[in-house]
Amino acid sequence: MKVSNLRLMQIAGWGGVIVASTGFFLQNRLIENIRNTEHYKDALKTLRLNVGAVHYLGEPIKDKRIKLTDSENNNADETSARFCVPVTGPKDKEK
């Protein structure tokens, strides 16, 4: 049974789409799991109640997407976890 090159390219293309979609889905799910932890929520609550942070960032302070690929700032082991959470506010663009 002979398969054309066009058909093989289609199969490879769809395979790539499936692999990329699965990776994107799993990464988003992991980020959501982190965002739903009490530690994450408490840290953002503390930041939003900090007078100095509100002065420099303005209100509302919003959290942005964690970069999981940044292994220098984002890491975890059996006893601790460390994540760098980007935040933004209406004043953070002013220089």
PDB file of N, CA and C in Angstrom:
ATOM      1  N   MET A   1       0.838  -1.171   0.000  1.00  0.00           N
ATOM      2  CA  MET A   1       0.000   0.000   0.000  1.00  0.00           C
ATOM      3  C   MET A   1       0.892   1.246   0.000  1.00  0.00           C
ATOM      4  N   LYS A   2       0.711   2.063  -0.969  1.00  0.00           N
ATOM      5  CA  LYS A   2       1.530   3.247  -1.153  1.00  0.00           C
ATOM      6  C   LYS A   2       0.754   4.478  -0.672  1.00  0.00           C
ATOM      7  N   VAL A   3       1.446   5.326   0.142  1.00  0.00           N
ATOM      8  CA  VAL A   3       0.833   6.549   0.650  1.00  0.00           C
ATOM      9  C   VAL A   3       1.545   7.726  -0.005  1.00  0.00           C
ATOM     10  N   SER A   4       0.757   8.667  -0.502  1.00  0.00           N
ATOM     11  CA  SER A   4       1.354   9.807  -1.191  1.00  0.00           C
ATOM     12  C   SER A   4       2.053  10.745  -0.203  1.00  0.00           C
ATOM     13  N   ASN A   5       2.989  11.493  -0.754  1.00  0.00           N
ATOM     14  CA  ASN A   5       3.699  12.473   0.065  1.00  0.00           C
ATOM     15  C   ASN A   5       2.744  13.532   0.617  1.00  0.00           C
ATOM     16  N   LEU A   6       1.751  13.910  -0.148  1.00  0.00           N
ATOM     17  CA  LEU A   6       0.774  14.895   0.294  1.00  0.00           C
ATOM     18  C   LEU A   6       0.024  14.383   1.527  1.00  0.00           C
ATOM     19  N   ARG A   7      -0.375  13.127   1.472  1.00  0.00           N
ATOM     20  CA  ARG A   7      -1.090  12.534   2.604  1.00  0.00           C
ATOM     21  C   ARG A   7      -0.187  12.470   3.843  1.00  0.00           C
ATOM     22  N   LEU A   8       1.076  12.124   3.681  1.00  0.00           N
ATOM     23  CA  LEU A   8       2.017  12.088   4.791  1.00  0.00           C
ATOM     24  C   LEU A   8       2.215  13.486   5.390  1.00  0.00           C
ATOM     25  N   MET A   9       2.261  14.510   4.538  1.00  0.00           N
ATOM     26  CA  MET A   9       2.398  15.882   5.032  1.00  0.00           C
ATOM     27  C   MET A   9       1.158  16.296   5.818  1.00  0.00           C
ATOM     28  N   GLN A  10      -0.014  15.876   5.357  1.00  0.00           N
ATOM     29  CA  GLN A  10      -1.239  16.188   6.085  1.00  0.00           C
ATOM     30  C   GLN A  10      -1.250  15.531   7.460  1.00  0.00           C
ATOM     31  N   ILE A  11      -0.850  14.273   7.505  1.00  0.00           N
ATOM     32  CA  ILE A  11      -0.795  13.555   8.777  1.00  0.00           C
ATOM     33  C   ILE A  11       0.207  14.224   9.727  1.00  0.00           C
ATOM     34  N   ALA A  12       1.377  14.580   9.213  1.00  0.00           N
ATOM     35  CA  ALA A  12       2.395  15.246  10.033  1.00  0.00           C
ATOM     36  C   ALA A  12       1.893  16.607  10.509  1.00  0.00           C
ATOM     37  N   GLY A  13       1.215  17.332   9.663  1.00  0.00           N
ATOM     38  CA  GLY A  13       0.678  18.650  10.026  1.00  0.00           C
ATOM     39  C   GLY A  13      -0.341  18.545  11.141  1.00  0.00           C
ATOM     40  N   TRP A  14      -1.279  17.623  11.003  1.00  0.00           N
ATOM     41  CA  TRP A  14      -2.284  17.439  12.043  1.00  0.00           C
ATOM     42  C   TRP A  14      -1.656  16.937  13.338  1.00  0.00           C
ATOM     43  N   GLY A  15      -0.656  16.097  13.219  1.00  0.00           N
ATOM     44  CA  GLY A  15       0.059  15.628  14.405  1.00  0.00           C
ATOM     45  C   GLY A  15       0.713  16.779  15.145  1.00  0.00           C
ATOM     46  N   GLY A  16       1.323  17.692  14.390  1.00  0.00           N
ATOM     47  CA  GLY A  16       1.940  18.872  14.989  1.00  0.00           C
ATOM     48  C   GLY A  16       0.925  19.765  15.672  1.00  0.00           C
ATOM     49  N   VAL A  17      -0.227  19.934  15.051  1.00  0.00           N
ATOM     50  CA  VAL A  17      -1.285  20.749  15.650  1.00  0.00           C
ATOM     51  C   VAL A  17      -1.755  20.124  16.966  1.00  0.00           C
ATOM     52  N   ILE A  18      -1.919  18.818  16.969  1.00  0.00           N
ATOM     53  CA  ILE A  18      -2.375  18.129  18.181  1.00  0.00           C
ATOM     54  C   ILE A  18      -1.344  18.239  19.293  1.00  0.00           C
ATOM     55  N   VAL A  19      -0.075  18.034  18.975  1.00  0.00           N
ATOM     56  CA  VAL A  19       0.986  18.123  19.989  1.00  0.00           C
ATOM     57  C   VAL A  19       1.079  19.546  20.549  1.00  0.00           C
ATOM     58  N   ALA A  20       1.061  20.547  19.677  1.00  0.00           N
ATOM     59  CA  ALA A  20       1.151  21.934  20.129  1.00  0.00           C
ATOM     60  C   ALA A  20      -0.063  22.321  20.972  1.00  0.00           C
ATOM     61  N   SER A  21      -1.248  21.920  20.562  1.00  0.00           N
ATOM     62  CA  SER A  21      -2.468  22.234  21.315  1.00  0.00           C
ATOM     63  C   SER A  21      -2.449  21.576  22.682  1.00  0.00           C
ATOM     64  N   THR A  22      -1.992  20.342  22.736  1.00  0.00           N
ATOM     65  CA  THR A  22      -1.909  19.638  24.013  1.00  0.00           C
ATOM     66  C   THR A  22      -0.923  20.325  24.947  1.00  0.00           C
ATOM     67  N   GLY A  23       0.229  20.724  24.437  1.00  0.00           N
ATOM     68  CA  GLY A  23       1.217  21.429  25.246  1.00  0.00           C
ATOM     69  C   GLY A  23       0.678  22.746  25.767  1.00  0.00           C
ATOM     70  N   PHE A  24       0.000  23.496  24.912  1.00  0.00           N
ATOM     71  CA  PHE A  24      -0.581  24.778  25.313  1.00  0.00           C
ATOM     72  C   PHE A  24      -1.637  24.575  26.387  1.00  0.00           C
ATOM     73  N   PHE A  25      -2.500  23.574  26.205  1.00  0.00           N
ATOM     74  CA  PHE A  25      -3.551  23.277  27.175  1.00  0.00           C
ATOM     75  C   PHE A  25      -2.957  22.895  28.525  1.00  0.00           C
ATOM     76  N   LEU A  26      -1.961  22.010  28.523  1.00  0.00           N
ATOM     77  CA  LEU A  26      -1.362  21.559  29.780  1.00  0.00           C
ATOM     78  C   LEU A  26      -0.626  22.691  30.498  1.00  0.00           C
ATOM     79  N   GLN A  27       0.039  23.558  29.750  1.00  0.00           N
ATOM     80  CA  GLN A  27       0.720  24.699  30.355  1.00  0.00           C
ATOM     81  C   GLN A  27      -0.300  25.634  31.005  1.00  0.00           C
ATOM     82  N   ASN A  28      -1.392  25.933  30.313  1.00  0.00           N
ATOM     83  CA  ASN A  28      -2.427  26.797  30.874  1.00  0.00           C
ATOM     84  C   ASN A  28      -3.057  26.177  32.112  1.00  0.00           C
ATOM     85  N   ARG A  29      -3.246  24.885  32.090  1.00  0.00           N
ATOM     86  CA  ARG A  29      -3.834  24.186  33.241  1.00  0.00           C
ATOM     87  C   ARG A  29      -2.892  24.265  34.447  1.00  0.00           C
ATOM     88  N   LEU A  30      -1.614  24.104  34.226  1.00  0.00           N
ATOM     89  CA  LEU A  30      -0.639  24.197  35.306  1.00  0.00           C
ATOM     90  C   LEU A  30      -0.611  25.605  35.892  1.00  0.00           C
ATOM     91  N   ILE A  31      -0.638  26.609  35.043  1.00  0.00           N
ATOM     92  CA  ILE A  31      -0.662  27.998  35.512  1.00  0.00           C
ATOM     93  C   ILE A  31      -1.923  28.270  36.325  1.00  0.00           C
ATOM     94  N   GLU A  32      -3.055  27.773  35.873  1.00  0.00           N
ATOM     95  CA  GLU A  32      -4.302  27.949  36.615  1.00  0.00           C
ATOM     96  C   GLU A  32      -4.242  27.248  37.970  1.00  0.00           C
ATOM     97  N   ASN A  33      -3.629  26.073  38.014  1.00  0.00           N
ATOM     98  CA  ASN A  33      -3.470  25.374  39.292  1.00  0.00           C
ATOM     99  C   ASN A  33      -2.633  26.193  40.256  1.00  0.00           C
ATOM    100  N   ILE A  34      -1.583  26.829  39.761  1.00  0.00           N
ATOM    101  CA  ILE A  34      -0.749  27.691  40.603  1.00  0.00           C
ATOM    102  C   ILE A  34      -1.547  28.901  41.076  1.00  0.00           C
ATOM    103  N   ARG A  35      -2.300  29.502  40.176  1.00  0.00           N
ATOM    104  CA  ARG A  35      -3.069  30.702  40.515  1.00  0.00           C
ATOM    105  C   ARG A  35      -4.182  30.417  41.527  1.00  0.00           C
ATOM    106  N   ASN A  36      -4.622  29.191  41.604  1.00  0.00           N
ATOM    107  CA  ASN A  36      -5.692  28.831  42.529  1.00  0.00           C
ATOM    108  C   ASN A  36      -5.197  28.422  43.911  1.00  0.00           C
ATOM    109  N   THR A  37      -3.881  28.429  44.132  1.00  0.00           N
ATOM    110  CA  THR A  37      -3.358  28.074  45.453  1.00  0.00           C
ATOM    111  C   THR A  37      -3.558  29.232  46.429  1.00  0.00           C
ATOM    112  N   GLU A  38      -3.649  28.898  47.704  1.00  0.00           N
ATOM    113  CA  GLU A  38      -3.812  29.926  48.738  1.00  0.00           C
ATOM    114  C   GLU A  38      -2.580  30.829  48.831  1.00  0.00           C
ATOM    115  N   HIS A  39      -1.388  30.258  48.614  1.00  0.00           N
ATOM    116  CA  HIS A  39      -0.159  31.061  48.675  1.00  0.00           C
ATOM    117  C   HIS A  39      -0.172  32.163  47.620  1.00  0.00           C
ATOM    118  N   TYR A  40      -0.597  31.814  46.419  1.00  0.00           N
ATOM    119  CA  TYR A  40      -0.656  32.780  45.318  1.00  0.00           C
ATOM    120  C   TYR A  40      -1.664  33.879  45.644  1.00  0.00           C
ATOM    121  N   LYS A  41      -2.848  33.470  46.081  1.00  0.00           N
ATOM    122  CA  LYS A  41      -3.902  34.440  46.401  1.00  0.00           C
ATOM    123  C   LYS A  41      -3.485  35.345  47.556  1.00  0.00           C
ATOM    124  N   ASP A  42      -2.850  34.757  48.584  1.00  0.00           N
ATOM    125  CA  ASP A  42      -2.392  35.557  49.721  1.00  0.00           C
ATOM    126  C   ASP A  42      -1.313  36.556  49.317  1.00  0.00           C
ATOM    127  N   ALA A  43      -0.399  36.145  48.456  1.00  0.00           N
ATOM    128  CA  ALA A  43       0.669  37.037  48.008  1.00  0.00           C
ATOM    129  C   ALA A  43       0.088  38.236  47.248  1.00  0.00           C
ATOM    130  N   LEU A  44      -0.863  37.984  46.367  1.00  0.00           N
ATOM    131  CA  LEU A  44      -1.466  39.095  45.623  1.00  0.00           C
ATOM    132  C   LEU A  44      -2.304  39.990  46.532  1.00  0.00           C
ATOM    133  N   LYS A  45      -2.975  39.396  47.498  1.00  0.00           N
ATOM    134  CA  LYS A  45      -3.758  40.189  48.447  1.00  0.00           C
ATOM    135  C   LYS A  45      -2.834  41.108  49.242  1.00  0.00           C
ATOM    136  N   THR A  46      -1.691  40.564  49.692  1.00  0.00           N
ATOM    137  CA  THR A  46      -0.710  41.357  50.432  1.00  0.00           C
ATOM    138  C   THR A  46      -0.178  42.499  49.568  1.00  0.00           C
ATOM    139  N   LEU A  47       0.122  42.209  48.299  1.00  0.00           N
ATOM    140  CA  LEU A  47       0.608  43.253  47.387  1.00  0.00           C
ATOM    141  C   LEU A  47      -0.433  44.340  47.207  1.00  0.00           C
ATOM    142  N   ARG A  48      -1.683  43.960  47.023  1.00  0.00           N
ATOM    143  CA  ARG A  48      -2.743  44.950  46.779  1.00  0.00           C
ATOM    144  C   ARG A  48      -3.038  45.795  48.012  1.00  0.00           C
ATOM    145  N   LEU A  49      -2.705  45.289  49.208  1.00  0.00           N
ATOM    146  CA  LEU A  49      -2.902  46.053  50.437  1.00  0.00           C
ATOM    147  C   LEU A  49      -1.682  46.894  50.801  1.00  0.00           C
ATOM    148  N   ASN A  50      -0.584  46.727  50.073  1.00  0.00           N
ATOM    149  CA  ASN A  50       0.644  47.455  50.350  1.00  0.00           C
ATOM    150  C   ASN A  50       0.533  48.874  49.790  1.00  0.00           C
ATOM    151  N   VAL A  51       0.630  49.865  50.684  1.00  0.00           N
ATOM    152  CA  VAL A  51       0.465  51.270  50.298  1.00  0.00           C
ATOM    153  C   VAL A  51       1.498  51.687  49.258  1.00  0.00           C
ATOM    154  N   GLY A  52       2.742  51.261  49.427  1.00  0.00           N
ATOM    155  CA  GLY A  52       3.808  51.628  48.489  1.00  0.00           C
ATOM    156  C   GLY A  52       3.563  51.051  47.105  1.00  0.00           C
ATOM    157  N   ALA A  53       3.138  49.801  47.043  1.00  0.00           N
ATOM    158  CA  ALA A  53       2.862  49.175  45.744  1.00  0.00           C
ATOM    159  C   ALA A  53       1.715  49.876  45.039  1.00  0.00           C
ATOM    160  N   VAL A  54       0.679  50.211  45.798  1.00  0.00           N
ATOM    161  CA  VAL A  54      -0.472  50.911  45.205  1.00  0.00           C
ATOM    162  C   VAL A  54      -0.045  52.296  44.721  1.00  0.00           C
ATOM    163  N   HIS A  55       0.841  52.954  45.469  1.00  0.00           N
ATOM    164  CA  HIS A  55       1.327  54.280  45.068  1.00  0.00           C
ATOM    165  C   HIS A  55       2.061  54.212  43.724  1.00  0.00           C
ATOM    166  N   TYR A  56       2.935  53.224  43.560  1.00  0.00           N
ATOM    167  CA  TYR A  56       3.732  53.136  42.337  1.00  0.00           C
ATOM    168  C   TYR A  56       2.996  52.499  41.164  1.00  0.00           C
ATOM    169  N   LEU A  57       2.117  51.549  41.442  1.00  0.00           N
ATOM    170  CA  LEU A  57       1.416  50.854  40.352  1.00  0.00           C
ATOM    171  C   LEU A  57       0.038  51.427  40.070  1.00  0.00           C
ATOM    172  N   GLY A  58      -0.601  51.988  41.056  1.00  0.00           N
ATOM    173  CA  GLY A  58      -1.973  52.444  40.911  1.00  0.00           C
ATOM    174  C   GLY A  58      -2.933  51.291  41.126  1.00  0.00           C
ATOM    175  N   GLU A  59      -4.213  51.623  41.098  1.00  0.00           N
ATOM    176  CA  GLU A  59      -5.232  50.585  41.255  1.00  0.00           C
ATOM    177  C   GLU A  59      -6.085  50.533  40.004  1.00  0.00           C
ATOM    178  N   PRO A  60      -6.487  49.389  39.579  1.00  0.00           N
ATOM    179  CA  PRO A  60      -6.294  48.068  40.172  1.00  0.00           C
ATOM    180  C   PRO A  60      -4.951  47.460  39.768  1.00  0.00           C
ATOM    181  N   ILE A  61      -4.366  46.699  40.678  1.00  0.00           N
ATOM    182  CA  ILE A  61      -3.156  45.932  40.387  1.00  0.00           C
ATOM    183  C   ILE A  61      -3.600  44.587  39.842  1.00  0.00           C
ATOM    184  N   LYS A  62      -3.103  44.244  38.665  1.00  0.00           N
ATOM    185  CA  LYS A  62      -3.493  42.987  38.015  1.00  0.00           C
ATOM    186  C   LYS A  62      -2.274  42.087  37.848  1.00  0.00           C
ATOM    187  N   ASP A  63      -2.497  40.803  38.047  1.00  0.00           N
ATOM    188  CA  ASP A  63      -1.417  39.848  37.810  1.00  0.00           C
ATOM    189  C   ASP A  63      -1.446  39.407  36.357  1.00  0.00           C
ATOM    190  N   LYS A  64      -0.267  39.121  35.856  1.00  0.00           N
ATOM    191  CA  LYS A  64      -0.137  38.685  34.468  1.00  0.00           C
ATOM    192  C   LYS A  64       0.301  37.226  34.446  1.00  0.00           C
ATOM    193  N   ARG A  65       0.511  36.724  33.287  1.00  0.00           N
ATOM    194  CA  ARG A  65       0.837  35.309  33.086  1.00  0.00           C
ATOM    195  C   ARG A  65       2.242  34.974  33.587  1.00  0.00           C
ATOM    196  N   ILE A  66       2.339  33.899  34.360  1.00  0.00           N
ATOM    197  CA  ILE A  66       3.622  33.413  34.849  1.00  0.00           C
ATOM    198  C   ILE A  66       4.362  32.755  33.688  1.00  0.00           C
ATOM    199  N   LYS A  67       5.664  33.016  33.579  1.00  0.00           N
ATOM    200  CA  LYS A  67       6.481  32.370  32.548  1.00  0.00           C
ATOM    201  C   LYS A  67       7.110  31.120  33.152  1.00  0.00           C
ATOM    202  N   LEU A  68       6.539  29.971  32.871  1.00  0.00           N
ATOM    203  CA  LEU A  68       7.036  28.726  33.437  1.00  0.00           C
ATOM    204  C   LEU A  68       8.423  28.373  32.925  1.00  0.00           C
ATOM    205  N   THR A  69       8.801  28.898  31.786  1.00  0.00           N
ATOM    206  CA  THR A  69      10.114  28.583  31.221  1.00  0.00           C
ATOM    207  C   THR A  69      11.249  29.337  31.912  1.00  0.00           C
ATOM    208  N   ASP A  70      10.918  30.309  32.754  1.00  0.00           N
ATOM    209  CA  ASP A  70      11.927  31.077  33.483  1.00  0.00           C
ATOM    210  C   ASP A  70      12.347  30.289  34.719  1.00  0.00           C
ATOM    211  N   SER A  71      13.234  29.333  34.537  1.00  0.00           N
ATOM    212  CA  SER A  71      13.619  28.434  35.628  1.00  0.00           C
ATOM    213  C   SER A  71      14.466  29.122  36.696  1.00  0.00           C
ATOM    214  N   GLU A  72      15.054  30.262  36.386  1.00  0.00           N
ATOM    215  CA  GLU A  72      15.839  30.990  37.382  1.00  0.00           C
ATOM    216  C   GLU A  72      14.932  31.591  38.459  1.00  0.00           C
ATOM    217  N   ASN A  73      13.794  32.128  38.056  1.00  0.00           N
ATOM    218  CA  ASN A  73      12.873  32.767  38.995  1.00  0.00           C
ATOM    219  C   ASN A  73      11.699  31.880  39.404  1.00  0.00           C
ATOM    220  N   ASN A  74      11.415  30.866  38.646  1.00  0.00           N
ATOM    221  CA  ASN A  74      10.275  29.996  38.922  1.00  0.00           C
ATOM    222  C   ASN A  74      10.761  28.572  39.115  1.00  0.00           C
ATOM    223  N   ASN A  75      10.688  28.109  40.349  1.00  0.00           N
ATOM    224  CA  ASN A  75      11.110  26.742  40.628  1.00  0.00           C
ATOM    225  C   ASN A  75      10.431  26.238  41.892  1.00  0.00           C
ATOM    226  N   ALA A  76      10.396  24.934  42.042  1.00  0.00           N
ATOM    227  CA  ALA A  76       9.781  24.313  43.212  1.00  0.00           C
ATOM    228  C   ALA A  76      10.474  22.994  43.492  1.00  0.00           C
ATOM    229  N   ASP A  77      10.474  22.631  44.776  1.00  0.00           N
ATOM    230  CA  ASP A  77      10.953  21.304  45.169  1.00  0.00           C
ATOM    231  C   ASP A  77      10.005  20.762  46.230  1.00  0.00           C
ATOM    232  N   GLU A  78      10.438  19.761  46.973  1.00  0.00           N
ATOM    233  CA  GLU A  78       9.552  19.114  47.935  1.00  0.00           C
ATOM    234  C   GLU A  78       9.134  20.035  49.076  1.00  0.00           C
ATOM    235  N   THR A  79       9.971  21.006  49.420  1.00  0.00           N
ATOM    236  CA  THR A  79       9.700  21.825  50.601  1.00  0.00           C
ATOM    237  C   THR A  79       9.378  23.285  50.320  1.00  0.00           C
ATOM    238  N   SER A  80       9.656  23.762  49.108  1.00  0.00           N
ATOM    239  CA  SER A  80       9.409  25.178  48.834  1.00  0.00           C
ATOM    240  C   SER A  80       9.116  25.396  47.355  1.00  0.00           C
ATOM    241  N   ALA A  81       8.518  26.557  47.099  1.00  0.00           N
ATOM    242  CA  ALA A  81       8.237  26.956  45.723  1.00  0.00           C
ATOM    243  C   ALA A  81       8.483  28.457  45.606  1.00  0.00           C
ATOM    244  N   ARG A  82       8.938  28.872  44.438  1.00  0.00           N
ATOM    245  CA  ARG A  82       9.224  30.287  44.186  1.00  0.00           C
ATOM    246  C   ARG A  82       8.759  30.616  42.778  1.00  0.00           C
ATOM    247  N   PHE A  83       7.897  31.621  42.668  1.00  0.00           N
ATOM    248  CA  PHE A  83       7.393  32.045  41.371  1.00  0.00           C
ATOM    249  C   PHE A  83       7.448  33.554  41.281  1.00  0.00           C
ATOM    250  N   CYS A  84       7.905  34.037  40.159  1.00  0.00           N
ATOM    251  CA  CYS A  84       7.950  35.464  39.878  1.00  0.00           C
ATOM    252  C   CYS A  84       6.669  35.797  39.109  1.00  0.00           C
ATOM    253  N   VAL A  85       5.808  36.575  39.742  1.00  0.00           N
ATOM    254  CA  VAL A  85       4.516  36.894  39.140  1.00  0.00           C
ATOM    255  C   VAL A  85       4.565  38.317  38.617  1.00  0.00           C
ATOM    256  N   PRO A  86       4.477  38.497  37.310  1.00  0.00           N
ATOM    257  CA  PRO A  86       4.445  39.858  36.766  1.00  0.00           C
ATOM    258  C   PRO A  86       3.123  40.541  37.144  1.00  0.00           C
ATOM    259  N   VAL A  87       3.193  41.774  37.566  1.00  0.00           N
ATOM    260  CA  VAL A  87       1.991  42.536  37.894  1.00  0.00           C
ATOM    261  C   VAL A  87       2.016  43.849  37.126  1.00  0.00           C
ATOM    262  N   THR A  88       0.863  44.418  36.962  1.00  0.00           N
ATOM    263  CA  THR A  88       0.760  45.680  36.250  1.00  0.00           C
ATOM    264  C   THR A  88      -0.318  46.531  36.907  1.00  0.00           C
ATOM    265  N   GLY A  89      -0.195  47.816  36.719  1.00  0.00           N
ATOM    266  CA  GLY A  89      -1.183  48.768  37.215  1.00  0.00           C
ATOM    267  C   GLY A  89      -1.234  49.953  36.265  1.00  0.00           C
ATOM    268  N   PRO A  90      -2.204  50.820  36.447  1.00  0.00           N
ATOM    269  CA  PRO A  90      -2.330  51.946  35.511  1.00  0.00           C
ATOM    270  C   PRO A  90      -1.146  52.903  35.517  1.00  0.00           C
ATOM    271  N   LYS A  91      -0.397  52.988  36.628  1.00  0.00           N
ATOM    272  CA  LYS A  91       0.734  53.910  36.698  1.00  0.00           C
ATOM    273  C   LYS A  91       2.062  53.295  36.281  1.00  0.00           C
ATOM    274  N   ASP A  92       2.150  51.983  36.074  1.00  0.00           N
ATOM    275  CA  ASP A  92       3.454  51.355  35.835  1.00  0.00           C
ATOM    276  C   ASP A  92       4.071  51.749  34.505  1.00  0.00           C
ATOM    277  N   LYS A  93       3.335  52.341  33.605  1.00  0.00           N
ATOM    278  CA  LYS A  93       3.866  52.788  32.320  1.00  0.00           C
ATOM    279  C   LYS A  93       4.505  54.166  32.394  1.00  0.00           C
ATOM    280  N   GLU A  94       4.172  54.918  33.447  1.00  0.00           N
ATOM    281  CA  GLU A  94       4.725  56.267  33.590  1.00  0.00           C
ATOM    282  C   GLU A  94       6.195  56.208  33.939  1.00  0.00           C
ATOM    283  N   LYS A  95       6.983  57.097  33.370  1.00  0.00           N
ATOM    284  CA  LYS A  95       8.432  57.131  33.656  1.00  0.00           C
ATOM    285  C   LYS A  95       8.802  58.502  34.150  1.00  0.00           C
TER     286      LYS A  95
END
